[in-house]
N, C-alpha and C. Protein backbone atom coordinates (compact mmCIF):
# COMPACT_ATOMS: atom_id res chain seq x y z
N MET A 1 22.15 44.91 -14.04
CA MET A 1 23.53 45.13 -13.58
C MET A 1 23.64 44.91 -12.07
N PHE A 2 22.67 45.46 -11.31
CA PHE A 2 22.69 45.31 -9.86
C PHE A 2 22.53 43.85 -9.46
N LYS A 3 21.65 43.13 -10.18
CA LYS A 3 21.43 41.71 -9.91
C LYS A 3 22.73 40.93 -10.12
N LYS A 4 23.44 41.25 -11.19
CA LYS A 4 24.70 40.57 -11.49
C LYS A 4 25.74 40.84 -10.41
N PHE A 5 25.77 42.08 -9.92
CA PHE A 5 26.71 42.45 -8.87
C PHE A 5 26.41 41.68 -7.58
N ARG A 6 25.11 41.62 -7.21
CA ARG A 6 24.70 40.89 -6.00
C ARG A 6 25.04 39.41 -6.12
N LEU A 7 24.83 38.86 -7.31
CA LEU A 7 25.10 37.44 -7.54
C LEU A 7 26.59 37.14 -7.35
N LYS A 8 27.44 37.99 -7.92
CA LYS A 8 28.88 37.81 -7.80
C LYS A 8 29.32 37.91 -6.34
N TYR A 9 28.73 38.85 -5.63
CA TYR A 9 29.08 39.05 -4.22
C TYR A 9 28.75 37.80 -3.40
N HIS A 10 27.53 37.29 -3.56
CA HIS A 10 27.11 36.13 -2.78
C HIS A 10 27.88 34.87 -3.19
N GLU A 11 28.23 34.76 -4.46
CA GLU A 11 29.04 33.62 -4.91
C GLU A 11 30.40 33.65 -4.23
N ARG A 12 31.01 34.83 -4.20
CA ARG A 12 32.32 34.97 -3.57
C ARG A 12 32.25 34.64 -2.08
N MET A 13 31.24 35.17 -1.41
CA MET A 13 31.09 34.94 0.03
C MET A 13 30.78 33.47 0.33
N ALA A 14 29.96 32.85 -0.52
CA ALA A 14 29.58 31.45 -0.30
C ALA A 14 30.80 30.54 -0.43
N PHE A 15 31.58 30.72 -1.48
CA PHE A 15 32.72 29.83 -1.69
C PHE A 15 33.87 30.13 -0.74
N ASN A 16 33.99 31.39 -0.32
CA ASN A 16 34.98 31.71 0.72
C ASN A 16 34.63 30.99 2.02
N GLY A 17 33.34 31.02 2.36
CA GLY A 17 32.89 30.33 3.56
C GLY A 17 33.11 28.83 3.46
N PHE A 18 32.86 28.29 2.28
CA PHE A 18 33.03 26.85 2.06
C PHE A 18 34.49 26.44 2.23
N VAL A 19 35.39 27.19 1.61
CA VAL A 19 36.82 26.88 1.68
C VAL A 19 37.33 26.97 3.12
N LYS A 20 36.80 27.92 3.88
CA LYS A 20 37.23 28.11 5.27
C LYS A 20 36.48 27.22 6.26
N SER A 21 35.63 26.32 5.73
CA SER A 21 34.81 25.42 6.56
C SER A 21 33.82 26.19 7.42
N GLU A 22 33.46 27.40 6.99
CA GLU A 22 32.42 28.18 7.68
C GLU A 22 31.10 27.87 6.97
N PHE A 23 30.58 26.68 7.24
CA PHE A 23 29.48 26.15 6.44
C PHE A 23 28.15 26.87 6.64
N LYS A 24 27.90 27.35 7.85
CA LYS A 24 26.66 28.11 8.09
C LYS A 24 26.66 29.40 7.27
N LYS A 25 27.81 30.04 7.23
CA LYS A 25 27.96 31.26 6.44
C LYS A 25 27.79 30.95 4.95
N ALA A 26 28.38 29.85 4.51
CA ALA A 26 28.28 29.46 3.10
C ALA A 26 26.83 29.19 2.72
N ILE A 27 26.10 28.47 3.58
CA ILE A 27 24.69 28.16 3.30
C ILE A 27 23.87 29.43 3.17
N LYS A 28 24.12 30.38 4.05
CA LYS A 28 23.40 31.66 4.02
C LYS A 28 23.53 32.32 2.65
N HIS A 29 24.73 32.31 2.10
CA HIS A 29 24.95 32.97 0.81
C HIS A 29 24.49 32.11 -0.37
N PHE A 30 24.58 30.78 -0.23
CA PHE A 30 24.03 29.92 -1.28
C PHE A 30 22.51 30.12 -1.40
N LYS A 31 21.85 30.31 -0.27
CA LYS A 31 20.41 30.57 -0.29
C LYS A 31 20.10 31.90 -0.98
N LYS A 32 20.95 32.89 -0.77
CA LYS A 32 20.77 34.18 -1.44
C LYS A 32 20.90 34.01 -2.96
N ILE A 33 21.87 33.19 -3.36
CA ILE A 33 22.07 32.92 -4.79
C ILE A 33 20.83 32.26 -5.38
N ALA A 34 20.29 31.28 -4.64
CA ALA A 34 19.11 30.55 -5.11
C ALA A 34 17.91 31.49 -5.25
N ALA A 35 17.81 32.49 -4.37
CA ALA A 35 16.70 33.44 -4.44
C ALA A 35 16.86 34.38 -5.63
N ILE A 36 18.09 34.77 -5.92
CA ILE A 36 18.35 35.70 -7.03
C ILE A 36 18.28 34.98 -8.37
N ALA A 37 18.85 33.77 -8.43
CA ALA A 37 18.91 33.02 -9.69
C ALA A 37 18.48 31.58 -9.45
N PRO A 38 17.17 31.34 -9.30
CA PRO A 38 16.67 29.99 -8.99
C PRO A 38 16.98 28.96 -10.07
N GLU A 39 17.31 29.43 -11.28
CA GLU A 39 17.62 28.50 -12.37
C GLU A 39 19.06 27.98 -12.28
N ARG A 40 19.86 28.57 -11.41
CA ARG A 40 21.27 28.20 -11.31
C ARG A 40 21.43 26.78 -10.78
N GLN A 41 22.08 25.92 -11.56
CA GLN A 41 22.30 24.54 -11.15
C GLN A 41 23.51 24.44 -10.22
N GLY A 42 23.48 23.46 -9.34
CA GLY A 42 24.60 23.21 -8.45
C GLY A 42 24.46 23.82 -7.07
N ILE A 43 23.54 24.77 -6.91
CA ILE A 43 23.38 25.43 -5.62
C ILE A 43 22.83 24.47 -4.57
N ASN A 44 21.82 23.68 -4.96
CA ASN A 44 21.27 22.70 -4.02
C ASN A 44 22.33 21.68 -3.61
N PHE A 45 23.16 21.29 -4.55
CA PHE A 45 24.23 20.35 -4.25
C PHE A 45 25.23 20.95 -3.26
N ASN A 46 25.62 22.20 -3.50
CA ASN A 46 26.58 22.87 -2.62
C ASN A 46 26.02 23.02 -1.21
N MET A 47 24.73 23.35 -1.11
CA MET A 47 24.11 23.47 0.21
C MET A 47 24.07 22.11 0.90
N ALA A 48 23.81 21.06 0.13
CA ALA A 48 23.77 19.71 0.71
C ALA A 48 25.14 19.32 1.27
N VAL A 49 26.20 19.63 0.54
CA VAL A 49 27.55 19.30 1.00
C VAL A 49 27.85 20.03 2.31
N CYS A 50 27.43 21.29 2.39
CA CYS A 50 27.62 22.06 3.63
C CYS A 50 26.85 21.43 4.78
N LEU A 51 25.62 21.02 4.51
CA LEU A 51 24.78 20.41 5.55
C LEU A 51 25.34 19.07 6.01
N ILE A 52 25.91 18.30 5.08
CA ILE A 52 26.55 17.04 5.46
C ILE A 52 27.72 17.32 6.40
N SER A 53 28.48 18.36 6.10
CA SER A 53 29.61 18.74 6.95
C SER A 53 29.15 19.16 8.33
N LEU A 54 27.93 19.69 8.41
CA LEU A 54 27.35 20.11 9.69
C LEU A 54 26.59 18.97 10.38
N ARG A 55 26.66 17.76 9.81
CA ARG A 55 25.98 16.57 10.33
C ARG A 55 24.46 16.68 10.26
N LYS A 56 23.95 17.51 9.36
CA LYS A 56 22.50 17.64 9.18
C LYS A 56 22.09 16.82 7.96
N TYR A 57 22.14 15.50 8.14
CA TYR A 57 22.01 14.59 7.02
C TYR A 57 20.61 14.55 6.41
N GLU A 58 19.58 14.61 7.25
CA GLU A 58 18.21 14.56 6.73
C GLU A 58 17.92 15.80 5.87
N GLU A 59 18.35 16.94 6.35
CA GLU A 59 18.15 18.18 5.58
C GLU A 59 18.98 18.15 4.31
N ALA A 60 20.18 17.60 4.40
CA ALA A 60 21.04 17.48 3.22
C ALA A 60 20.38 16.64 2.15
N GLU A 61 19.70 15.57 2.57
CA GLU A 61 19.02 14.68 1.63
C GLU A 61 17.97 15.44 0.81
N GLU A 62 17.28 16.37 1.44
CA GLU A 62 16.26 17.15 0.74
C GLU A 62 16.88 17.94 -0.41
N TYR A 63 18.03 18.55 -0.15
CA TYR A 63 18.69 19.35 -1.19
C TYR A 63 19.31 18.46 -2.26
N LEU A 64 19.80 17.29 -1.87
CA LEU A 64 20.34 16.35 -2.85
C LEU A 64 19.24 15.89 -3.80
N GLN A 65 18.05 15.65 -3.26
CA GLN A 65 16.93 15.22 -4.10
C GLN A 65 16.49 16.35 -5.04
N LYS A 66 16.54 17.59 -4.56
CA LYS A 66 16.21 18.73 -5.42
C LYS A 66 17.20 18.83 -6.58
N GLU A 67 18.48 18.61 -6.27
CA GLU A 67 19.50 18.65 -7.31
C GLU A 67 19.30 17.51 -8.30
N LEU A 68 18.87 16.37 -7.79
CA LEU A 68 18.63 15.19 -8.63
C LEU A 68 17.52 15.46 -9.64
N GLU A 69 16.57 16.29 -9.26
CA GLU A 69 15.44 16.61 -10.14
C GLU A 69 15.84 17.51 -11.31
N CYS A 70 17.04 18.09 -11.23
CA CYS A 70 17.47 19.05 -12.26
C CYS A 70 17.94 18.39 -13.55
N GLY A 71 18.19 17.08 -13.50
CA GLY A 71 18.65 16.41 -14.71
C GLY A 71 19.49 15.19 -14.40
N THR A 72 20.24 14.73 -15.39
CA THR A 72 21.08 13.54 -15.22
C THR A 72 22.17 13.82 -14.19
N PRO A 73 22.26 13.01 -13.14
CA PRO A 73 23.24 13.28 -12.08
C PRO A 73 24.66 12.96 -12.50
N GLY A 74 25.59 13.80 -12.10
CA GLY A 74 27.00 13.54 -12.33
C GLY A 74 27.57 12.72 -11.18
N LEU A 75 28.83 12.35 -11.31
CA LEU A 75 29.48 11.51 -10.29
C LEU A 75 29.48 12.15 -8.90
N PRO A 76 29.82 13.45 -8.75
CA PRO A 76 29.82 14.03 -7.40
C PRO A 76 28.46 13.92 -6.70
N LEU A 77 27.38 14.11 -7.46
CA LEU A 77 26.04 14.00 -6.86
C LEU A 77 25.75 12.56 -6.46
N LEU A 78 26.09 11.60 -7.31
CA LEU A 78 25.87 10.20 -7.00
C LEU A 78 26.65 9.78 -5.75
N GLN A 79 27.88 10.27 -5.65
CA GLN A 79 28.70 9.94 -4.48
C GLN A 79 28.13 10.56 -3.21
N ALA A 80 27.66 11.80 -3.32
CA ALA A 80 27.08 12.48 -2.16
C ALA A 80 25.80 11.77 -1.70
N LEU A 81 24.99 11.33 -2.65
CA LEU A 81 23.76 10.60 -2.31
C LEU A 81 24.08 9.31 -1.57
N ALA A 82 25.09 8.58 -2.06
CA ALA A 82 25.47 7.32 -1.43
C ALA A 82 26.03 7.54 -0.03
N GLU A 83 26.94 8.51 0.08
CA GLU A 83 27.57 8.77 1.38
C GLU A 83 26.55 9.28 2.39
N ASN A 84 25.61 10.09 1.93
CA ASN A 84 24.61 10.63 2.86
C ASN A 84 23.69 9.53 3.38
N SER A 85 23.36 8.57 2.52
CA SER A 85 22.55 7.43 2.98
C SER A 85 23.29 6.65 4.05
N PHE A 86 24.59 6.47 3.83
CA PHE A 86 25.42 5.79 4.84
C PHE A 86 25.40 6.56 6.15
N LEU A 87 25.60 7.88 6.08
CA LEU A 87 25.65 8.70 7.29
C LEU A 87 24.30 8.77 7.99
N CYS A 88 23.23 8.59 7.23
CA CYS A 88 21.88 8.53 7.82
C CYS A 88 21.62 7.19 8.49
N GLY A 89 22.53 6.23 8.28
CA GLY A 89 22.36 4.91 8.87
C GLY A 89 21.50 3.97 8.06
N ASN A 90 21.29 4.32 6.78
CA ASN A 90 20.44 3.50 5.91
C ASN A 90 21.34 2.60 5.04
N ARG A 91 21.65 1.43 5.56
CA ARG A 91 22.61 0.54 4.90
C ARG A 91 22.15 0.10 3.51
N LYS A 92 20.92 -0.36 3.39
CA LYS A 92 20.43 -0.89 2.12
C LYS A 92 20.37 0.19 1.04
N GLU A 93 19.93 1.38 1.43
CA GLU A 93 19.86 2.48 0.46
C GLU A 93 21.27 2.90 0.04
N ALA A 94 22.19 2.93 1.00
CA ALA A 94 23.57 3.27 0.69
C ALA A 94 24.17 2.25 -0.27
N LEU A 95 23.91 0.97 -0.01
CA LEU A 95 24.40 -0.10 -0.88
C LEU A 95 23.87 0.08 -2.29
N SER A 96 22.58 0.35 -2.41
CA SER A 96 21.96 0.54 -3.73
C SER A 96 22.58 1.73 -4.46
N ARG A 97 22.83 2.79 -3.73
CA ARG A 97 23.38 4.00 -4.36
C ARG A 97 24.84 3.82 -4.77
N TYR A 98 25.61 3.09 -3.97
CA TYR A 98 26.99 2.81 -4.37
C TYR A 98 27.03 1.88 -5.58
N GLU A 99 26.13 0.92 -5.63
CA GLU A 99 26.06 0.03 -6.79
C GLU A 99 25.68 0.82 -8.05
N ARG A 100 24.87 1.85 -7.87
CA ARG A 100 24.49 2.71 -9.00
C ARG A 100 25.71 3.41 -9.59
N ILE A 101 26.65 3.80 -8.73
CA ILE A 101 27.86 4.49 -9.18
C ILE A 101 28.68 3.60 -10.11
N LEU A 102 28.73 2.30 -9.80
CA LEU A 102 29.54 1.38 -10.60
C LEU A 102 29.02 1.24 -12.04
N LYS A 103 27.79 1.66 -12.27
CA LYS A 103 27.23 1.59 -13.63
C LYS A 103 27.74 2.74 -14.50
N GLU A 104 28.38 3.72 -13.87
CA GLU A 104 28.90 4.87 -14.60
C GLU A 104 30.30 4.59 -15.15
N ASN A 105 30.70 5.40 -16.09
CA ASN A 105 32.07 5.34 -16.62
C ASN A 105 32.96 6.16 -15.69
N ILE A 106 33.60 5.50 -14.74
CA ILE A 106 34.33 6.20 -13.69
C ILE A 106 35.81 5.80 -13.69
N PRO A 107 36.69 6.66 -13.15
CA PRO A 107 38.12 6.33 -13.09
C PRO A 107 38.36 5.08 -12.25
N ASP A 108 39.48 4.42 -12.50
CA ASP A 108 39.81 3.18 -11.80
C ASP A 108 39.87 3.36 -10.29
N LYS A 109 40.46 4.48 -9.84
CA LYS A 109 40.57 4.72 -8.40
C LYS A 109 39.18 4.87 -7.77
N THR A 110 38.30 5.57 -8.45
CA THR A 110 36.93 5.74 -7.96
C THR A 110 36.21 4.41 -7.92
N ARG A 111 36.46 3.57 -8.93
CA ARG A 111 35.83 2.25 -8.97
C ARG A 111 36.30 1.39 -7.80
N ARG A 112 37.60 1.40 -7.54
CA ARG A 112 38.13 0.61 -6.42
C ARG A 112 37.57 1.09 -5.09
N PHE A 113 37.50 2.40 -4.93
CA PHE A 113 36.97 2.98 -3.69
C PHE A 113 35.50 2.60 -3.51
N THR A 114 34.74 2.68 -4.59
CA THR A 114 33.31 2.35 -4.54
C THR A 114 33.11 0.87 -4.22
N GLU A 115 33.95 0.02 -4.79
CA GLU A 115 33.86 -1.42 -4.50
C GLU A 115 34.15 -1.71 -3.03
N LEU A 116 35.09 -0.97 -2.45
CA LEU A 116 35.37 -1.12 -1.02
C LEU A 116 34.16 -0.69 -0.19
N LYS A 117 33.53 0.41 -0.61
CA LYS A 117 32.34 0.90 0.08
C LYS A 117 31.22 -0.15 0.02
N ILE A 118 31.06 -0.76 -1.13
CA ILE A 118 30.01 -1.77 -1.30
C ILE A 118 30.24 -2.95 -0.37
N LYS A 119 31.49 -3.38 -0.24
CA LYS A 119 31.80 -4.50 0.67
C LYS A 119 31.41 -4.15 2.10
N ILE A 120 31.63 -2.90 2.48
CA ILE A 120 31.25 -2.46 3.83
C ILE A 120 29.74 -2.46 3.99
N MET A 121 29.02 -1.97 2.98
CA MET A 121 27.56 -1.87 3.06
C MET A 121 26.88 -3.24 3.01
N GLU A 122 27.55 -4.22 2.42
CA GLU A 122 26.95 -5.55 2.28
C GLU A 122 26.84 -6.30 3.60
N ASN A 123 27.66 -5.91 4.57
CA ASN A 123 27.73 -6.64 5.83
C ASN A 123 27.31 -5.72 6.98
N GLU A 124 26.38 -6.20 7.80
CA GLU A 124 25.84 -5.39 8.90
C GLU A 124 26.93 -4.98 9.89
N LYS A 125 27.85 -5.89 10.19
CA LYS A 125 28.89 -5.60 11.17
C LYS A 125 29.86 -4.54 10.66
N THR A 126 30.34 -4.71 9.42
CA THR A 126 31.29 -3.73 8.88
C THR A 126 30.62 -2.37 8.69
N PHE A 127 29.32 -2.40 8.36
CA PHE A 127 28.56 -1.16 8.22
C PHE A 127 28.51 -0.41 9.56
N LYS A 128 28.18 -1.14 10.63
CA LYS A 128 28.10 -0.51 11.96
C LYS A 128 29.46 -0.01 12.42
N ASN A 129 30.51 -0.77 12.10
CA ASN A 129 31.86 -0.34 12.46
C ASN A 129 32.23 0.96 11.73
N ALA A 130 31.86 1.02 10.45
CA ALA A 130 32.15 2.23 9.67
C ALA A 130 31.41 3.44 10.23
N LEU A 131 30.15 3.23 10.63
CA LEU A 131 29.40 4.32 11.25
C LEU A 131 30.04 4.74 12.56
N LYS A 132 30.50 3.76 13.33
CA LYS A 132 31.16 4.05 14.60
C LYS A 132 32.43 4.86 14.39
N SER A 133 33.09 4.63 13.27
CA SER A 133 34.34 5.35 12.99
C SER A 133 34.10 6.85 12.90
N ARG A 134 32.87 7.24 12.49
CA ARG A 134 32.56 8.68 12.40
C ARG A 134 32.61 9.34 13.77
N ASN A 135 32.24 8.59 14.81
CA ASN A 135 32.31 9.14 16.17
C ASN A 135 33.76 9.43 16.57
N TYR A 136 34.66 8.53 16.17
CA TYR A 136 36.07 8.73 16.49
C TYR A 136 36.65 9.90 15.68
N ILE A 137 36.17 10.08 14.46
CA ILE A 137 36.61 11.23 13.68
C ILE A 137 36.16 12.52 14.35
N ASP A 138 34.91 12.55 14.81
CA ASP A 138 34.39 13.74 15.49
C ASP A 138 35.21 14.04 16.75
N LYS A 139 35.51 12.99 17.53
CA LYS A 139 36.31 13.18 18.74
C LYS A 139 37.72 13.67 18.39
N GLY A 140 38.27 13.07 17.33
CA GLY A 140 39.60 13.48 16.89
C GLY A 140 39.63 14.94 16.48
N ASP A 141 38.58 15.38 15.78
CA ASP A 141 38.49 16.78 15.36
C ASP A 141 38.47 17.72 16.56
N ILE A 142 37.73 17.32 17.61
CA ILE A 142 37.65 18.14 18.82
C ILE A 142 39.01 18.24 19.49
N PHE A 143 39.69 17.11 19.64
CA PHE A 143 41.02 17.12 20.25
C PHE A 143 42.00 17.93 19.41
N LEU A 144 41.85 17.85 18.09
CA LEU A 144 42.73 18.60 17.19
C LEU A 144 42.55 20.10 17.39
N GLU A 145 41.30 20.53 17.51
CA GLU A 145 41.01 21.95 17.74
C GLU A 145 41.56 22.41 19.09
N GLN A 146 41.58 21.50 20.06
CA GLN A 146 42.08 21.84 21.40
C GLN A 146 43.60 21.77 21.50
N GLY A 147 44.24 21.30 20.44
CA GLY A 147 45.69 21.18 20.45
C GLY A 147 46.20 19.94 21.14
N ASP A 148 45.30 18.99 21.41
CA ASP A 148 45.68 17.72 22.03
C ASP A 148 45.95 16.71 20.92
N PHE A 149 47.16 16.77 20.38
CA PHE A 149 47.48 15.98 19.19
C PHE A 149 47.65 14.49 19.49
N VAL A 150 48.02 14.16 20.72
CA VAL A 150 48.17 12.75 21.09
C VAL A 150 46.82 12.05 21.05
N ASN A 151 45.82 12.65 21.71
CA ASN A 151 44.50 12.04 21.73
C ASN A 151 43.80 12.14 20.38
N ALA A 152 44.09 13.20 19.65
CA ALA A 152 43.54 13.32 18.30
C ALA A 152 44.04 12.16 17.45
N ARG A 153 45.33 11.88 17.55
CA ARG A 153 45.93 10.80 16.78
C ARG A 153 45.33 9.44 17.17
N LYS A 154 45.10 9.23 18.47
CA LYS A 154 44.52 7.97 18.93
C LYS A 154 43.14 7.75 18.31
N ASN A 155 42.32 8.80 18.28
CA ASN A 155 40.96 8.67 17.77
C ASN A 155 40.94 8.49 16.25
N PHE A 156 41.78 9.21 15.54
CA PHE A 156 41.83 9.05 14.09
C PHE A 156 42.34 7.65 13.72
N THR A 157 43.28 7.14 14.51
CA THR A 157 43.79 5.79 14.26
C THR A 157 42.69 4.75 14.45
N LYS A 158 41.87 4.92 15.49
CA LYS A 158 40.74 4.01 15.71
C LYS A 158 39.78 4.06 14.53
N ALA A 159 39.57 5.26 13.99
CA ALA A 159 38.66 5.41 12.85
C ALA A 159 39.16 4.63 11.64
N THR A 160 40.47 4.66 11.39
CA THR A 160 41.02 3.94 10.22
C THR A 160 40.88 2.44 10.37
N LYS A 161 40.89 1.95 11.60
CA LYS A 161 40.77 0.50 11.83
C LYS A 161 39.32 0.03 11.68
N LEU A 162 38.37 0.91 11.97
CA LEU A 162 36.96 0.56 11.86
C LEU A 162 36.42 0.72 10.45
N ASP A 163 37.02 1.62 9.68
CA ASP A 163 36.56 1.88 8.31
C ASP A 163 37.77 1.98 7.40
N LEU A 164 37.97 0.96 6.58
CA LEU A 164 39.16 0.90 5.71
C LEU A 164 39.12 1.93 4.59
N THR A 165 37.98 2.60 4.40
CA THR A 165 37.88 3.64 3.37
C THR A 165 38.01 5.05 3.94
N CYS A 166 38.37 5.15 5.20
CA CYS A 166 38.36 6.45 5.89
C CYS A 166 39.60 7.28 5.53
N PHE A 167 39.58 7.84 4.34
CA PHE A 167 40.72 8.65 3.87
C PHE A 167 40.86 9.93 4.69
N GLN A 168 39.73 10.44 5.23
CA GLN A 168 39.78 11.67 6.03
C GLN A 168 40.68 11.49 7.25
N ALA A 169 40.53 10.34 7.93
CA ALA A 169 41.34 10.08 9.12
C ALA A 169 42.81 9.94 8.76
N HIS A 170 43.10 9.27 7.65
CA HIS A 170 44.50 9.13 7.21
C HIS A 170 45.10 10.50 6.90
N ASN A 171 44.32 11.35 6.25
CA ASN A 171 44.82 12.69 5.94
C ASN A 171 45.11 13.46 7.23
N ASN A 172 44.20 13.38 8.20
CA ASN A 172 44.40 14.07 9.47
C ASN A 172 45.63 13.53 10.22
N LEU A 173 45.81 12.21 10.17
CA LEU A 173 46.98 11.61 10.81
C LEU A 173 48.27 12.08 10.13
N GLY A 174 48.20 12.25 8.82
CA GLY A 174 49.36 12.76 8.10
C GLY A 174 49.69 14.19 8.50
N VAL A 175 48.66 15.01 8.65
CA VAL A 175 48.85 16.41 9.05
C VAL A 175 49.47 16.49 10.44
N ILE A 176 48.96 15.66 11.36
CA ILE A 176 49.49 15.65 12.73
C ILE A 176 50.95 15.21 12.74
N ALA A 177 51.25 14.15 12.01
CA ALA A 177 52.63 13.65 11.96
C ALA A 177 53.57 14.68 11.36
N MET A 178 53.11 15.37 10.32
CA MET A 178 53.95 16.35 9.62
C MET A 178 54.14 17.63 10.43
N ASN A 179 53.04 18.18 10.93
CA ASN A 179 53.09 19.51 11.54
C ASN A 179 53.43 19.52 13.02
N HIS A 180 53.14 18.42 13.72
CA HIS A 180 53.27 18.46 15.18
C HIS A 180 54.26 17.46 15.76
N PHE A 181 54.66 16.44 14.96
CA PHE A 181 55.64 15.48 15.45
C PHE A 181 56.87 15.39 14.54
N ASN A 182 56.83 16.16 13.45
CA ASN A 182 57.95 16.17 12.48
C ASN A 182 58.35 14.76 12.04
N ASP A 183 57.36 13.88 11.98
CA ASP A 183 57.60 12.50 11.54
C ASP A 183 57.17 12.42 10.07
N TYR A 184 58.09 12.79 9.19
CA TYR A 184 57.75 12.92 7.77
C TYR A 184 57.49 11.56 7.12
N LYS A 185 58.19 10.54 7.59
CA LYS A 185 57.99 9.20 7.03
C LYS A 185 56.57 8.70 7.32
N LEU A 186 56.14 8.88 8.56
CA LEU A 186 54.78 8.46 8.94
C LEU A 186 53.74 9.31 8.22
N ALA A 187 54.03 10.61 8.11
CA ALA A 187 53.10 11.51 7.42
C ALA A 187 52.89 11.06 5.98
N LEU A 188 54.00 10.71 5.31
CA LEU A 188 53.91 10.27 3.92
C LEU A 188 53.09 8.98 3.80
N THR A 189 53.26 8.08 4.76
CA THR A 189 52.50 6.82 4.76
C THR A 189 51.01 7.10 4.78
N HIS A 190 50.59 8.01 5.66
CA HIS A 190 49.16 8.32 5.78
C HIS A 190 48.65 9.10 4.57
N PHE A 191 49.42 10.06 4.09
CA PHE A 191 48.98 10.83 2.92
C PHE A 191 48.85 9.93 1.69
N GLU A 192 49.80 9.03 1.52
CA GLU A 192 49.75 8.12 0.37
C GLU A 192 48.56 7.17 0.48
N LYS A 193 48.24 6.74 1.70
CA LYS A 193 47.08 5.86 1.88
C LYS A 193 45.80 6.62 1.56
N ALA A 194 45.71 7.86 2.02
CA ALA A 194 44.52 8.68 1.73
C ALA A 194 44.39 8.91 0.23
N ASP A 195 45.52 9.18 -0.43
CA ASP A 195 45.51 9.44 -1.87
C ASP A 195 45.21 8.16 -2.65
N GLU A 196 45.65 7.03 -2.13
CA GLU A 196 45.36 5.74 -2.77
C GLU A 196 43.85 5.46 -2.77
N LEU A 197 43.19 5.89 -1.70
CA LEU A 197 41.76 5.63 -1.56
C LEU A 197 40.91 6.55 -2.43
N ASN A 198 41.27 7.83 -2.47
CA ASN A 198 40.39 8.79 -3.14
C ASN A 198 41.18 9.99 -3.65
N ASP A 199 40.69 10.60 -4.72
CA ASP A 199 41.33 11.81 -5.26
C ASP A 199 40.77 13.03 -4.56
N ILE A 200 41.53 13.55 -3.59
CA ILE A 200 41.11 14.70 -2.82
C ILE A 200 42.18 15.79 -2.94
N PRO A 201 41.85 16.96 -3.47
CA PRO A 201 42.84 18.04 -3.63
C PRO A 201 43.59 18.38 -2.35
N ALA A 202 42.89 18.36 -1.20
CA ALA A 202 43.54 18.70 0.07
C ALA A 202 44.65 17.72 0.40
N VAL A 203 44.44 16.44 0.09
CA VAL A 203 45.46 15.42 0.35
C VAL A 203 46.67 15.65 -0.56
N GLN A 204 46.40 15.91 -1.82
CA GLN A 204 47.48 16.14 -2.78
C GLN A 204 48.27 17.40 -2.42
N MET A 205 47.57 18.40 -1.89
CA MET A 205 48.24 19.62 -1.45
C MET A 205 49.13 19.33 -0.24
N ASN A 206 48.66 18.46 0.66
CA ASN A 206 49.46 18.11 1.83
C ASN A 206 50.70 17.32 1.44
N ILE A 207 50.58 16.47 0.42
CA ILE A 207 51.76 15.73 -0.06
C ILE A 207 52.79 16.72 -0.62
N HIS A 208 52.30 17.74 -1.32
CA HIS A 208 53.20 18.78 -1.85
C HIS A 208 53.90 19.52 -0.71
N LYS A 209 53.14 19.87 0.34
CA LYS A 209 53.72 20.56 1.50
C LYS A 209 54.76 19.69 2.18
N LEU A 210 54.46 18.40 2.27
CA LEU A 210 55.39 17.47 2.91
C LEU A 210 56.69 17.37 2.12
N ASN A 211 56.58 17.29 0.81
CA ASN A 211 57.79 17.22 -0.03
C ASN A 211 58.64 18.48 0.14
N GLU A 212 57.99 19.63 0.27
CA GLU A 212 58.71 20.88 0.49
C GLU A 212 59.42 20.86 1.85
N ALA A 213 58.74 20.33 2.87
CA ALA A 213 59.33 20.26 4.21
C ALA A 213 60.53 19.32 4.22
N ILE A 214 60.42 18.19 3.51
CA ILE A 214 61.53 17.23 3.44
C ILE A 214 62.72 17.85 2.72
N LEU A 215 62.45 18.56 1.62
CA LEU A 215 63.52 19.22 0.86
C LEU A 215 64.21 20.28 1.70
N LYS A 216 63.42 21.05 2.46
CA LYS A 216 63.99 22.09 3.32
C LYS A 216 64.87 21.47 4.39
N GLU A 217 64.43 20.36 4.97
CA GLU A 217 65.21 19.68 6.00
C GLU A 217 66.52 19.15 5.43
N GLN A 218 66.46 18.60 4.22
CA GLN A 218 67.67 18.08 3.57
C GLN A 218 68.66 19.21 3.29
N ASN A 219 68.16 20.35 2.84
CA ASN A 219 69.02 21.51 2.56
C ASN A 219 69.68 22.02 3.84
N ASN A 220 68.92 22.02 4.94
CA ASN A 220 69.47 22.48 6.22
C ASN A 220 70.56 21.52 6.71
N ASN A 221 70.35 20.22 6.48
CA ASN A 221 71.35 19.23 6.89
C ASN A 221 72.63 19.37 6.08
N ASP A 222 72.46 19.72 4.78
CA ASP A 222 73.62 19.90 3.91
C ASP A 222 74.46 21.09 4.35
N ASP A 223 73.75 22.12 4.88
CA ASP A 223 74.46 23.32 5.34
C ASP A 223 75.24 23.02 6.63
């Protein structure tokens, strides 16, 4: 009974940390879960995702490989393996892993996104540009935290030009346009582009928020 209680506690704390982007905290509790229930699948994967978010790609690879040893990999694991190879700067390995994804029975949107990734990995120049885009995303994140939305927008825009699959930058540009410039048309353009590239709940939630903001503005104008 006590073991079950501890497990529930650490699961709650781990996923709360993950949702709040408190990745170090999340990792701490995922490790506790692994110690209590080493047979639990998915923990290594969750820790790897946290480590990728912390830019600890080599360490993330170790946990991804541990998860891979647990059985037949699902799509999220295959995608994480491919993306982590890219972030590690290993073009050929990333290309091989993205090609592996295409062998799976995957949704059309995922297939289109993966094919775009493969085109980037096939060419040294586009690969280097895509890697460079991560630097602009990092800079944009810093400016965003500082409340410098103009420079944040400039850096996220540069990221989208260097990497045509950069849905994260489009989502961030949409958030900036919606929340800080009240430019709902531009926000919708970026959110729709991000959603066109990949199925991300955060993007879909932002589209919902934008629709609510547009409806509220229309109601205020009617009054």
